Amino acid sequence: MTRYLISFDDGAMIFPEEELPAVAEASHAVVRAAQDAGVWIFGGGVERQRATIVATDGTVSDGPFPETKAVIGGFSIIDVPSREEALEWAARFTDACRCAQEVREIMPDPLV
């Protein structure tokens, strides 16, 4: 099995505020379905805040860098047998969250 990161950009979920409970329930239903299917690893929303960058030399600065156009707003990590199945789960999150999802394969841990 392969792990995939499914994520969306902060600010991509655009809908009237009164629809938030329905969107939250729909997205939680997809998470429950992924849990029931045994493919769910972890996920969550990312608080709207500026990132803190720790550089290779150990210095700490505020971020993200000014050239950054997109910041992750939320993510899910799933473990499925194929990219096609990851795309199917991403489509379910797209419908629930009402925004596009990005799918990326997570490289395997060489120590496992």
Protein backbone atom coordinates (compact mmCIF):
# COMPACT_ATOMS: atom_id res chain seq x y z
CA MET A 1 0.00 0.00 0.00
CA THR A 2 1.07 3.57 -0.61
CA ARG A 3 0.35 6.66 1.43
CA TYR A 4 -1.02 9.78 -0.23
CA LEU A 5 -1.41 13.35 0.95
CA ILE A 6 -4.71 14.89 -0.12
CA SER A 7 -4.78 18.63 0.60
CA PHE A 8 -6.43 21.90 -0.31
CA ASP A 9 -5.28 25.49 -0.26
CA ASP A 10 -6.21 27.83 2.58
CA GLY A 11 -9.06 30.00 1.38
CA ALA A 12 -10.19 27.51 -1.28
CA MET A 13 -13.36 26.58 0.58
CA ILE A 14 -15.67 29.37 -0.57
CA PHE A 15 -19.35 29.08 0.36
CA PRO A 16 -21.85 31.02 2.49
CA GLU A 17 -21.08 30.84 6.21
CA GLU A 18 -24.48 29.32 6.98
CA GLU A 19 -23.49 26.26 4.91
CA LEU A 20 -20.46 25.50 7.13
CA PRO A 21 -22.30 22.90 9.28
CA ALA A 22 -23.36 20.96 6.17
CA VAL A 23 -19.85 21.11 4.68
CA ALA A 24 -18.32 20.01 8.00
CA GLU A 25 -20.73 17.07 8.27
CA ALA A 26 -20.09 16.05 4.65
CA SER A 27 -16.32 16.12 5.12
CA HIS A 28 -16.56 14.25 8.43
CA ALA A 29 -18.68 11.62 6.67
CA VAL A 30 -15.88 11.07 4.13
CA VAL A 31 -13.36 10.74 6.98
CA ARG A 32 -15.62 8.18 8.70
CA ALA A 33 -15.93 6.27 5.40
CA ALA A 34 -12.12 6.26 5.02
CA GLN A 35 -11.79 5.03 8.61
CA ASP A 36 -14.37 2.30 8.00
CA ALA A 37 -12.52 1.29 4.80
CA GLY A 38 -9.26 1.04 6.77
CA VAL A 39 -7.41 3.59 4.60
CA TRP A 40 -7.44 6.60 6.95
CA ILE A 41 -4.10 7.51 8.58
CA PHE A 42 -4.44 11.11 9.78
CA GLY A 43 -5.74 14.51 8.78
CA GLY A 44 -7.03 17.86 9.88
CA GLY A 45 -7.37 21.53 9.20
CA VAL A 46 -4.45 23.90 9.54
CA GLU A 47 -4.99 27.01 11.67
CA ARG A 48 -4.73 30.25 9.76
CA GLN A 49 -1.45 31.58 10.98
CA ARG A 50 1.89 32.55 9.64
CA ALA A 51 4.37 29.73 9.58
CA THR A 52 7.65 29.87 11.45
CA ILE A 53 10.65 28.79 9.40
CA VAL A 54 13.60 26.99 10.97
CA ALA A 55 16.53 27.24 8.54
CA THR A 56 19.26 24.66 8.06
CA ASP A 57 21.58 26.76 10.19
CA GLY A 58 19.04 26.80 13.03
CA THR A 59 17.91 30.40 12.65
CA VAL A 60 14.20 31.02 13.13
CA SER A 61 12.15 33.51 11.14
CA ASP A 62 8.53 34.26 10.34
CA GLY A 63 7.11 32.87 7.14
CA PRO A 64 5.91 31.66 4.80
CA PHE A 65 8.26 33.25 2.35
CA PRO A 66 6.67 36.18 0.43
CA GLU A 67 6.79 34.29 -2.88
CA THR A 68 4.53 31.57 -1.48
CA LYS A 69 1.19 31.77 -3.26
CA ALA A 70 -0.60 28.87 -1.57
CA VAL A 71 -0.71 27.59 1.98
CA ILE A 72 -2.27 24.28 3.01
CA GLY A 73 -5.66 24.80 4.63
CA GLY A 74 -6.37 21.16 5.41
CA PHE A 75 -5.11 17.69 4.62
CA SER A 76 -5.76 13.97 4.81
CA ILE A 77 -3.28 11.12 4.69
CA ILE A 78 -4.60 7.82 3.37
CA ASP A 79 -3.00 4.46 2.66
CA VAL A 80 -4.39 2.82 -0.49
CA PRO A 81 -3.19 0.28 -3.07
CA SER A 82 -3.16 2.65 -6.07
CA ARG A 83 -3.04 6.25 -7.22
CA GLU A 84 -6.43 5.68 -8.85
CA GLU A 85 -7.95 4.87 -5.46
CA ALA A 86 -6.29 7.95 -3.94
CA LEU A 87 -7.89 10.04 -6.69
CA GLU A 88 -11.27 8.48 -5.90
CA TRP A 89 -10.93 9.50 -2.24
CA ALA A 90 -9.80 12.98 -3.31
CA ALA A 91 -12.95 13.27 -5.44
CA ARG A 92 -15.04 12.43 -2.39
CA PHE A 93 -13.26 15.15 -0.39
CA THR A 94 -13.70 17.57 -3.30
CA ASP A 95 -17.46 17.02 -3.22
CA ALA A 96 -17.67 17.29 0.57
CA CYS A 97 -15.39 20.31 0.99
CA ARG A 98 -16.57 22.05 -2.18
CA CYS A 99 -13.04 22.77 -3.34
CA ALA A 100 -10.29 21.20 -5.42
CA GLN A 101 -7.94 18.74 -3.74
CA GLU A 102 -4.27 18.12 -4.53
CA VAL A 103 -2.99 14.53 -4.41
CA ARG A 104 0.66 13.70 -3.76
CA GLU A 105 2.31 10.36 -3.12
CA ILE A 106 4.29 10.18 0.10
CA MET A 107 7.67 8.50 -0.32
CA PRO A 108 8.12 5.35 1.75
CA ASP A 109 10.17 5.54 4.93
CA PRO A 110 13.50 3.85 4.12
CA LEU A 111 13.87 2.75 7.75
CA VAL A 112 10.62 0.77 7.86
